[in-house]
């Protein structure tokens, strides 16, 4: 018999997802916290009235938080590493 450790994210008494690592469960829980924070803001805009679309947009923004922060100017994009071409002559 195998023993399997699982981490379950529970919100309002409802199981949301199960993960095999605590880090994954914590990251998902943090994303759900962001969704909870974004929903009232998006509802105030009154541009989207469909509740499912509002929630989907909040989830999208929470998952793409790094890109949202960059777009808002709150974070600088990561610099791409430039590598020397393999066939470049050495000096």
Protein backbone atom coordinates (compact mmCIF):
# COMPACT_ATOMS: atom_id res chain seq x y z
CA UNK A 1 0.00 0.00 0.00
CA UNK A 2 1.36 3.41 -0.99
CA UNK A 3 1.08 6.58 1.03
CA UNK A 4 0.43 9.70 -1.03
CA UNK A 5 0.65 13.20 0.37
CA UNK A 6 -1.77 15.65 -1.21
CA UNK A 7 -2.33 19.34 -0.63
CA UNK A 8 -5.91 20.48 -1.13
CA UNK A 9 -6.92 24.09 -1.67
CA UNK A 10 -10.27 24.67 0.04
CA UNK A 11 -12.31 27.87 -0.34
CA UNK A 12 -15.61 28.48 1.46
CA UNK A 13 -15.75 24.80 2.43
CA UNK A 14 -15.37 23.69 -1.20
CA UNK A 15 -12.36 21.80 -2.55
CA UNK A 16 -10.91 23.77 -5.43
CA UNK A 17 -7.87 21.74 -6.49
CA UNK A 18 -5.47 19.10 -5.24
CA UNK A 19 -1.69 19.33 -5.64
CA UNK A 20 1.27 17.09 -4.94
CA UNK A 21 3.47 19.88 -3.54
CA UNK A 22 2.82 22.55 -0.94
CA UNK A 23 4.42 25.18 -3.19
CA UNK A 24 1.91 24.50 -5.98
CA UNK A 25 -1.00 24.60 -3.54
CA UNK A 26 0.24 27.87 -2.03
CA UNK A 27 0.67 29.43 -5.48
CA UNK A 28 -2.87 28.44 -6.47
CA UNK A 29 -4.26 29.78 -3.18
CA UNK A 30 -2.42 33.07 -3.76
CA UNK A 31 -3.88 33.27 -7.28
CA UNK A 32 -7.38 32.74 -5.83
CA UNK A 33 -6.71 35.58 -3.35
CA UNK A 34 -5.87 37.82 -6.31
CA UNK A 35 -9.07 36.81 -8.08
CA UNK A 36 -11.02 37.73 -4.95
CA UNK A 37 -9.34 41.14 -4.96
CA UNK A 38 -9.85 41.75 -8.67
CA UNK A 39 -13.55 40.84 -8.86
CA UNK A 40 -14.88 43.92 -6.99
CA UNK A 41 -12.66 46.17 -9.11
CA UNK A 42 -13.87 44.62 -12.36
CA UNK A 43 -17.50 44.74 -11.22
CA UNK A 44 -17.17 48.50 -10.66
CA UNK A 45 -16.28 49.03 -14.31
CA UNK A 46 -19.79 47.96 -15.40
CA UNK A 47 -18.40 47.12 -18.86
CA UNK A 48 -18.91 43.39 -18.30
CA UNK A 49 -22.15 42.31 -16.69
CA UNK A 50 -21.88 38.55 -17.17
CA UNK A 51 -20.67 37.03 -13.88
CA UNK A 52 -18.84 34.12 -15.55
CA UNK A 53 -16.96 36.48 -17.87
CA UNK A 54 -15.99 38.68 -14.90
CA UNK A 55 -14.61 35.68 -13.04
CA UNK A 56 -12.79 34.40 -16.14
CA UNK A 57 -11.19 37.81 -16.67
CA UNK A 58 -10.16 38.02 -13.01
CA UNK A 59 -8.57 34.55 -13.22
CA UNK A 60 -6.76 35.51 -16.43
CA UNK A 61 -5.38 38.71 -14.91
CA UNK A 62 -4.29 36.88 -11.75
CA UNK A 63 -2.51 34.18 -13.75
CA UNK A 64 -0.82 36.78 -15.93
CA UNK A 65 0.06 39.06 -13.00
CA UNK A 66 3.69 39.46 -14.08
CA UNK A 67 2.62 40.75 -17.50
CA UNK A 68 -0.05 42.97 -15.91
CA UNK A 69 2.55 44.53 -13.59
CA UNK A 70 4.85 45.15 -16.55
CA UNK A 71 1.99 46.68 -18.58
CA UNK A 72 1.13 48.99 -15.66
CA UNK A 73 4.75 50.04 -15.31
CA UNK A 74 5.00 48.63 -11.81
CA UNK A 75 7.66 46.16 -12.86
CA UNK A 76 10.36 46.14 -15.48
CA UNK A 77 10.45 43.29 -17.99
CA UNK A 78 13.16 40.71 -17.48
CA UNK A 79 16.17 41.38 -19.65
CA UNK A 80 16.82 38.74 -22.24
CA UNK A 81 20.22 37.17 -21.96
CA UNK A 82 22.32 37.76 -25.03
CA UNK A 83 24.54 34.88 -25.84
CA UNK A 84 27.60 34.99 -28.01
CA UNK A 85 27.12 33.09 -31.25
CA UNK A 86 28.97 29.78 -31.22
CA UNK A 87 30.80 30.50 -34.47
CA UNK A 88 32.00 33.99 -33.42
CA UNK A 89 35.78 34.30 -33.53
CA UNK A 90 37.50 34.65 -30.16
CA UNK A 91 39.61 37.75 -29.60
